[in-house]
Amino acid sequence: MVIKGINPIIEALKSGAEVEKIILPAGRKDPRIEEIKKLARELSVPFSFSPSEKSPVAQVSPVRLLEEDEVIKYRTIICLDRVEDPMNFGAIIRSAYAFEAAIVSEKRHSSALTDTVARASAGAMFKAAIHRTSNLKAFLKRAKEAGYWVICAQKTGIPLNEFKFPEKRIIILGSEGKGIRKSVSGECDFELSIPMKGEIDSLNVSVAAGIFLFFASSK
């Protein structure tokens, strides 16, 4: 995988991801470039300079994904149902990592773990707990057997600020265009909504994820 940008590369180096090589822009004076060079030297990662590059570029081995039994050790799990936009996916990964939550998405009909996702996550993609499942509904059934309660983020439902989150919880967020599939929402124990006062009746899915994570962590 090729990733671009100062912050994603710094986070990849700090996370222990296997960075194979780095190409730095020649002649660019930036303390963050110096940090990349310092980390690369400490980790014995080869780097070179190129006058044609305007931003650092790194070749990184694929992200290590967690197995299902590793994911269900987390108190909070974010499940994404057909969230295909890589910018949204990356932003959600960043928020999930900040709130110590795991992320589960399907192998099909969801964003791949790309350079765009890495940049949108500010490098958190290399440190977050991520699991890819072949069947989200089946995963939810197994998680419920392990003691999780399943919460669906919907436009209508119990106001988020009035809900007491259970100890082990899964929060499902659907795509902005289609929402959560009926086959998946059928596994929900609770439907929650974000109370809003303006004329807009929905939020960007990554913004909604951050709000849900904040309330889940504070109650």
Protein backbone atom coordinates (compact mmCIF):
# COMPACT_ATOMS: atom_id res chain seq x y z
CA MET A 1 0.00 0.00 0.00
CA VAL A 2 1.23 3.49 -0.84
CA ILE A 3 0.35 6.28 1.59
CA LYS A 4 0.96 10.00 1.19
CA GLY A 5 1.18 12.87 3.63
CA ILE A 6 3.20 13.77 6.71
CA ASN A 7 0.72 12.79 9.45
CA PRO A 8 -0.26 9.38 8.04
CA ILE A 9 3.40 8.43 7.60
CA ILE A 10 4.37 9.59 11.11
CA GLU A 11 1.47 7.61 12.59
CA ALA A 12 2.37 4.56 10.50
CA LEU A 13 5.94 4.70 11.81
CA LYS A 14 4.81 5.17 15.42
CA SER A 15 2.20 2.40 15.20
CA GLY A 16 4.69 -0.31 14.36
CA ALA A 17 3.30 -0.80 10.86
CA GLU A 18 5.81 -2.34 8.47
CA VAL A 19 6.99 0.68 6.49
CA GLU A 20 9.18 -0.59 3.67
CA LYS A 21 10.56 2.69 2.32
CA ILE A 22 9.90 6.44 2.29
CA ILE A 23 10.45 9.06 -0.39
CA LEU A 24 10.76 12.64 0.89
CA PRO A 25 10.47 15.88 -1.08
CA ALA A 26 13.93 17.26 -1.78
CA GLY A 27 14.73 20.65 -0.31
CA ARG A 28 11.58 20.98 1.79
CA LYS A 29 12.28 22.46 5.22
CA ASP A 30 9.70 21.29 7.73
CA PRO A 31 10.20 20.07 11.32
CA ARG A 32 7.71 17.28 10.66
CA ILE A 33 9.87 16.02 7.79
CA GLU A 34 12.75 15.94 10.27
CA GLU A 35 10.54 13.86 12.59
CA ILE A 36 9.92 11.37 9.79
CA LYS A 37 13.66 11.12 9.15
CA LYS A 38 14.37 10.64 12.87
CA LEU A 39 11.75 7.90 13.23
CA ALA A 40 12.92 6.22 10.03
CA ARG A 41 16.51 6.12 11.28
CA GLU A 42 15.44 4.70 14.64
CA LEU A 43 13.41 1.98 12.92
CA SER A 44 15.95 1.31 10.15
CA VAL A 45 13.47 2.30 7.46
CA PRO A 46 15.25 3.41 4.28
CA PHE A 47 14.36 6.84 2.91
CA SER A 48 15.44 8.87 -0.08
CA PHE A 49 14.73 12.28 -1.61
CA SER A 50 13.01 13.22 -4.85
CA PRO A 51 12.67 16.68 -6.41
CA SER A 52 9.44 15.58 -8.10
CA GLU A 53 7.61 14.83 -4.84
CA LYS A 54 5.81 17.66 -3.04
CA SER A 55 4.72 15.51 -0.09
CA PRO A 56 6.24 12.44 1.61
CA VAL A 57 5.29 9.05 0.16
CA ALA A 58 5.71 5.67 1.86
CA GLN A 59 5.30 2.04 0.88
CA VAL A 60 3.56 0.25 3.76
CA SER A 61 2.57 -3.37 4.26
CA PRO A 62 -1.20 -4.02 4.51
CA VAL A 63 -2.97 -3.17 7.77
CA ARG A 64 -3.23 -6.02 10.26
CA LEU A 65 -6.89 -6.86 10.74
CA LEU A 66 -8.23 -8.37 13.94
CA GLU A 67 -9.97 -11.71 14.17
CA GLU A 68 -13.55 -11.80 15.44
CA ASP A 69 -12.56 -13.18 18.85
CA GLU A 70 -10.16 -10.24 19.29
CA VAL A 71 -12.82 -7.66 18.44
CA ILE A 72 -15.41 -8.90 20.89
CA LYS A 73 -13.10 -8.07 23.77
CA TYR A 74 -13.83 -4.37 23.24
CA ARG A 75 -16.49 -2.63 25.28
CA THR A 76 -17.71 -0.57 22.31
CA ILE A 77 -17.88 -1.75 18.71
CA ILE A 78 -18.85 0.42 15.75
CA CYS A 79 -20.43 -1.58 12.92
CA LEU A 80 -20.62 0.06 9.52
CA ASP A 81 -23.33 -1.09 7.14
CA ARG A 82 -22.31 -0.30 3.57
CA VAL A 83 -20.34 2.86 4.33
CA GLU A 84 -18.46 3.09 1.05
CA ASP A 85 -17.00 6.61 1.11
CA PRO A 86 -13.30 6.38 2.09
CA MET A 87 -13.21 9.84 3.66
CA ASN A 88 -16.10 8.95 5.96
CA PHE A 89 -14.58 5.57 6.74
CA GLY A 90 -11.25 7.17 7.65
CA ALA A 91 -12.88 9.81 9.84
CA ILE A 92 -14.86 7.13 11.68
CA ILE A 93 -11.69 5.09 12.25
CA ARG A 94 -10.03 8.18 13.72
CA SER A 95 -12.93 8.76 16.14
CA ALA A 96 -13.18 5.08 17.07
CA TYR A 97 -9.48 4.95 17.88
CA ALA A 98 -9.78 8.10 20.00
CA PHE A 99 -12.59 6.51 22.05
CA GLU A 100 -10.98 3.04 22.24
CA ALA A 101 -13.71 1.40 20.17
CA ALA A 102 -13.33 -1.37 17.61
CA ILE A 103 -14.66 -1.12 14.04
CA VAL A 104 -16.39 -3.84 12.05
CA SER A 105 -17.33 -3.58 8.39
CA GLU A 106 -18.23 -6.05 5.68
CA LYS A 107 -15.67 -7.22 3.17
CA ARG A 108 -18.02 -6.31 0.32
CA HIS A 109 -20.00 -3.10 -0.18
CA SER A 110 -17.73 -1.04 2.07
CA SER A 111 -14.64 1.08 1.61
CA ALA A 112 -11.32 -0.70 1.30
CA LEU A 113 -8.42 0.32 3.54
CA THR A 114 -6.74 2.66 1.08
CA ASP A 115 -4.36 5.60 1.14
CA THR A 116 -7.39 7.93 1.20
CA VAL A 117 -8.70 6.18 4.32
CA ALA A 118 -5.26 6.42 5.92
CA ARG A 119 -5.12 10.17 5.30
CA ALA A 120 -8.70 10.75 6.49
CA SER A 121 -7.91 8.80 9.66
CA ALA A 122 -4.73 10.85 10.22
CA GLY A 123 -2.86 7.55 10.38
CA ALA A 124 -5.17 5.97 12.99
CA MET A 125 -5.93 3.22 10.47
CA PHE A 126 -2.58 1.63 11.35
CA LYS A 127 -3.37 1.50 15.08
CA ALA A 128 -7.14 1.02 15.31
CA ALA A 129 -8.90 -2.27 16.02
CA ILE A 130 -10.50 -3.20 12.67
CA HIS A 131 -12.28 -6.38 11.67
CA ARG A 132 -13.75 -7.23 8.27
CA THR A 133 -16.61 -9.70 8.30
CA SER A 134 -18.18 -11.57 5.40
CA ASN A 135 -21.66 -11.28 6.92
CA LEU A 136 -22.58 -8.41 9.25
CA LYS A 137 -25.89 -9.94 10.34
CA ALA A 138 -24.19 -13.19 11.33
CA PHE A 139 -21.52 -11.26 13.23
CA LEU A 140 -24.21 -9.40 15.19
CA LYS A 141 -25.92 -12.66 16.14
CA ARG A 142 -22.66 -14.09 17.50
CA ALA A 143 -21.86 -10.85 19.33
CA LYS A 144 -25.28 -10.86 21.01
CA GLU A 145 -24.60 -14.39 22.22
CA ALA A 146 -21.40 -12.98 23.75
CA GLY A 147 -23.41 -10.44 25.76
CA TYR A 148 -23.51 -7.38 23.50
CA TRP A 149 -26.55 -5.14 23.06
CA VAL A 150 -27.06 -3.81 19.54
CA ILE A 151 -27.93 -0.15 18.97
CA CYS A 152 -29.01 1.30 15.63
CA ALA A 153 -28.43 4.95 14.76
CA GLN A 154 -31.69 6.12 13.18
CA LYS A 155 -33.46 9.39 12.38
CA THR A 156 -36.18 8.53 14.91
CA GLY A 157 -35.83 6.68 18.18
CA ILE A 158 -34.82 7.25 21.79
CA PRO A 159 -32.95 10.57 22.07
CA LEU A 160 -29.28 9.83 22.49
CA ASN A 161 -28.93 12.10 25.51
CA GLU A 162 -31.69 10.20 27.38
CA PHE A 163 -30.28 6.72 26.89
CA LYS A 164 -28.17 4.76 29.36
CA PHE A 165 -25.69 2.69 27.39
CA PRO A 166 -25.24 -0.97 28.38
CA GLU A 167 -21.81 -2.20 29.42
CA LYS A 168 -21.16 -4.08 26.15
CA ARG A 169 -22.60 -2.28 23.14
CA ILE A 170 -22.50 -2.34 19.37
CA ILE A 171 -23.45 0.84 17.50
CA ILE A 172 -24.56 0.37 13.90
CA LEU A 173 -24.27 3.21 11.40
CA GLY A 174 -25.60 2.93 7.85
CA SER A 175 -24.70 4.63 4.61
CA GLU A 176 -25.87 8.20 4.20
CA GLY A 177 -27.92 7.38 1.14
CA LYS A 178 -29.67 4.19 2.20
CA GLY A 179 -29.26 3.92 5.96
CA ILE A 180 -29.17 0.55 7.71
CA ARG A 181 -30.47 -2.44 5.78
CA LYS A 182 -33.64 -4.08 7.17
CA SER A 183 -31.85 -7.42 7.46
CA VAL A 184 -29.30 -5.75 9.75
CA SER A 185 -31.66 -3.46 11.68
CA GLY A 186 -33.68 -6.56 12.59
CA GLU A 187 -30.87 -7.44 15.01
CA CYS A 188 -31.14 -4.12 16.86
CA ASP A 189 -32.19 -4.03 20.50
CA PHE A 190 -32.49 -0.22 20.59
CA GLU A 191 -32.97 2.54 18.04
CA LEU A 192 -31.41 5.87 19.01
CA SER A 193 -31.52 9.27 17.39
CA ILE A 194 -29.45 12.43 17.70
CA PRO A 195 -31.67 15.30 18.89
CA MET A 196 -31.33 18.27 16.52
CA LYS A 197 -33.04 21.66 16.38
CA GLY A 198 -32.25 22.87 12.88
CA GLU A 199 -34.07 22.14 9.65
CA ILE A 200 -31.52 19.49 8.57
CA ASP A 201 -32.79 16.08 9.61
CA SER A 202 -29.56 14.07 9.33
CA LEU A 203 -25.79 14.36 9.76
CA ASN A 204 -22.77 13.11 7.91
CA VAL A 205 -22.19 9.52 9.05
CA SER A 206 -18.72 10.27 10.40
CA VAL A 207 -20.07 13.19 12.44
CA ALA A 208 -22.86 10.96 13.77
CA ALA A 209 -20.29 8.31 14.72
CA GLY A 210 -18.31 10.83 16.75
CA ILE A 211 -21.43 11.98 18.61
CA PHE A 212 -22.50 8.42 19.40
CA LEU A 213 -19.01 7.52 20.61
CA PHE A 214 -18.86 10.56 22.86
CA PHE A 215 -22.18 9.78 24.53
CA ALA A 216 -21.34 6.08 24.84
CA SER A 217 -18.03 6.87 26.54
CA SER A 218 -19.48 9.46 28.91
CA LYS A 219 -22.32 7.32 30.31
